[in-house]
Amino acid sequence: MPLTLLSIAAFAALGAWTRYGQTLLVQAMFGRAFPWATLSINVLGSFLMGFLFFATLERVNLSPELRTGLLTGGLGAYTTFSTFSLETTNLFEGGEALRGLLYIGASVLLSLFAAMLGAFLSRNLGA
């Protein structure tokens, strides 16, 4: 149990730093008028979760502690559903209902597709 908790903490730090760096990069490239940074993090995080969940279950032999650290700590800190919820609220409260709905639809559909694509690729690469 202590090794699992340490693994979660270490990967959570990496996930949070990655999220912050990606946010700065995407906002510098596309601005802040639309929450592109959070959308890109949620879609990439969904892809990685779909890919790594099955890759580490079916193809790559990781210890349970390391796998939990990677998936729960790393991707848990990297993905941003709470930020998505707040940004959606801000769009609606700011009178941007259409952008809010677009953001909800894009986030759900793209993230679901990314998770499915990650799972498919994980199971079929090299097969």
Protein backbone atom coordinates (compact mmCIF):
# COMPACT_ATOMS: atom_id res chain seq x y z
CA MET A 1 0.00 0.00 0.00
CA PRO A 2 2.74 2.59 0.76
CA LEU A 3 4.33 1.90 -2.65
CA THR A 4 0.97 2.42 -4.37
CA LEU A 5 0.45 5.74 -2.58
CA LEU A 6 3.97 6.89 -3.44
CA SER A 7 3.45 5.91 -7.07
CA ILE A 8 0.15 7.81 -7.23
CA ALA A 9 1.77 10.90 -5.71
CA ALA A 10 4.78 10.83 -8.04
CA PHE A 11 2.70 10.37 -11.18
CA ALA A 12 0.17 12.97 -9.99
CA ALA A 13 2.95 15.55 -9.84
CA LEU A 14 4.01 14.66 -13.40
CA GLY A 15 0.40 14.78 -14.61
CA ALA A 16 -0.22 18.17 -13.03
CA TRP A 17 2.98 19.64 -14.47
CA THR A 18 2.11 18.26 -17.90
CA ARG A 19 -1.37 19.73 -17.70
CA TYR A 20 0.00 23.13 -16.73
CA GLY A 21 2.57 23.11 -19.52
CA GLN A 22 0.01 22.08 -22.12
CA THR A 23 -2.37 24.78 -20.89
CA LEU A 24 0.29 27.47 -21.32
CA LEU A 25 1.24 26.19 -24.77
CA VAL A 26 -2.29 25.87 -26.13
CA GLN A 27 -3.39 29.24 -24.71
CA ALA A 28 -0.32 30.89 -26.27
CA MET A 29 -1.21 29.34 -29.62
CA PHE A 30 -5.00 29.78 -29.65
CA GLY A 31 -5.83 32.34 -26.98
CA ARG A 32 -8.45 32.11 -24.25
CA ALA A 33 -11.69 32.99 -26.05
CA PHE A 34 -12.59 29.27 -26.16
CA PRO A 35 -11.29 26.70 -23.64
CA TRP A 36 -9.10 24.92 -26.22
CA ALA A 37 -6.50 23.98 -23.61
CA THR A 38 -8.94 22.07 -21.42
CA LEU A 39 -10.58 20.47 -24.43
CA SER A 40 -7.22 19.28 -25.76
CA ILE A 41 -6.27 17.91 -22.33
CA ASN A 42 -9.56 16.05 -21.94
CA VAL A 43 -9.35 14.52 -25.44
CA LEU A 44 -5.68 13.53 -25.12
CA GLY A 45 -6.25 12.28 -21.58
CA SER A 46 -9.16 10.15 -22.77
CA PHE A 47 -7.03 8.69 -25.56
CA LEU A 48 -4.20 7.93 -23.15
CA MET A 49 -6.59 6.36 -20.63
CA GLY A 50 -8.12 4.12 -23.29
CA PHE A 51 -4.71 3.18 -24.68
CA LEU A 52 -2.78 2.72 -21.44
CA PHE A 53 -5.56 0.97 -19.54
CA PHE A 54 -5.66 -1.88 -22.05
CA ALA A 55 -1.96 -1.81 -22.93
CA THR A 56 -1.01 -2.24 -19.27
CA LEU A 57 -3.72 -4.85 -18.75
CA GLU A 58 -3.16 -6.98 -21.84
CA ARG A 59 0.27 -6.27 -23.34
CA VAL A 60 2.70 -4.51 -21.01
CA ASN A 61 3.57 -6.09 -17.71
CA LEU A 62 3.54 -3.37 -15.03
CA SER A 63 3.32 -3.87 -11.32
CA PRO A 64 -0.09 -3.05 -9.86
CA GLU A 65 1.48 -0.15 -7.94
CA LEU A 66 3.00 1.39 -11.05
CA ARG A 67 -0.15 0.86 -13.12
CA THR A 68 -2.29 2.52 -10.44
CA GLY A 69 0.18 5.39 -10.18
CA LEU A 70 0.16 5.96 -13.93
CA LEU A 71 -3.58 5.70 -14.49
CA THR A 72 -4.97 7.10 -11.24
CA GLY A 73 -2.22 9.52 -10.28
CA GLY A 74 -0.83 10.63 -13.63
CA LEU A 75 -3.93 10.74 -15.77
CA GLY A 76 -6.13 11.71 -12.83
CA ALA A 77 -4.05 14.83 -12.27
CA TYR A 78 -3.67 15.51 -15.99
CA THR A 79 -7.30 15.39 -17.05
CA THR A 80 -9.53 18.25 -16.11
CA PHE A 81 -13.20 17.48 -15.76
CA SER A 82 -13.65 19.88 -12.87
CA THR A 83 -12.10 22.65 -14.96
CA PHE A 84 -14.35 21.69 -17.85
CA SER A 85 -17.38 22.08 -15.57
CA LEU A 86 -16.29 25.50 -14.34
CA GLU A 87 -15.45 26.77 -17.82
CA THR A 88 -18.83 25.59 -19.11
CA THR A 89 -20.55 27.40 -16.24
CA ASN A 90 -18.59 30.55 -17.05
CA LEU A 91 -19.58 30.38 -20.71
CA PHE A 92 -23.27 30.08 -19.82
CA GLU A 93 -23.12 32.79 -17.17
CA GLY A 94 -21.28 35.04 -19.63
CA GLY A 95 -24.13 34.80 -22.12
CA GLU A 96 -22.25 32.37 -24.38
CA ALA A 97 -24.81 29.54 -24.35
CA LEU A 98 -23.99 28.43 -27.91
CA ARG A 99 -20.27 28.22 -27.11
CA GLY A 100 -21.13 26.37 -23.91
CA LEU A 101 -23.19 23.79 -25.78
CA LEU A 102 -20.49 23.46 -28.44
CA TYR A 103 -17.91 22.90 -25.71
CA ILE A 104 -20.04 20.24 -23.99
CA GLY A 105 -20.70 18.40 -27.25
CA ALA A 106 -17.11 18.58 -28.45
CA SER A 107 -15.72 17.50 -25.08
CA VAL A 108 -18.01 14.51 -24.70
CA LEU A 109 -17.89 13.27 -28.29
CA LEU A 110 -14.19 13.85 -28.92
CA SER A 111 -13.13 12.43 -25.55
CA LEU A 112 -15.30 9.34 -25.99
CA PHE A 113 -13.94 8.83 -29.50
CA ALA A 114 -10.37 9.31 -28.22
CA ALA A 115 -10.84 6.71 -25.47
CA MET A 116 -12.28 4.23 -27.97
CA LEU A 117 -9.46 4.93 -30.44
CA GLY A 118 -6.86 4.47 -27.72
CA ALA A 119 -8.42 1.17 -26.65
CA PHE A 120 -8.61 -0.04 -30.26
CA LEU A 121 -5.01 0.87 -31.03
CA SER A 122 -3.77 -0.63 -27.79
CA ARG A 123 -5.43 -3.92 -28.61
CA ASN A 124 -4.51 -4.03 -32.30
CA LEU A 125 -1.00 -2.62 -32.64
CA GLY A 126 1.35 -5.27 -33.80
CA ALA A 127 -1.41 -7.87 -33.90
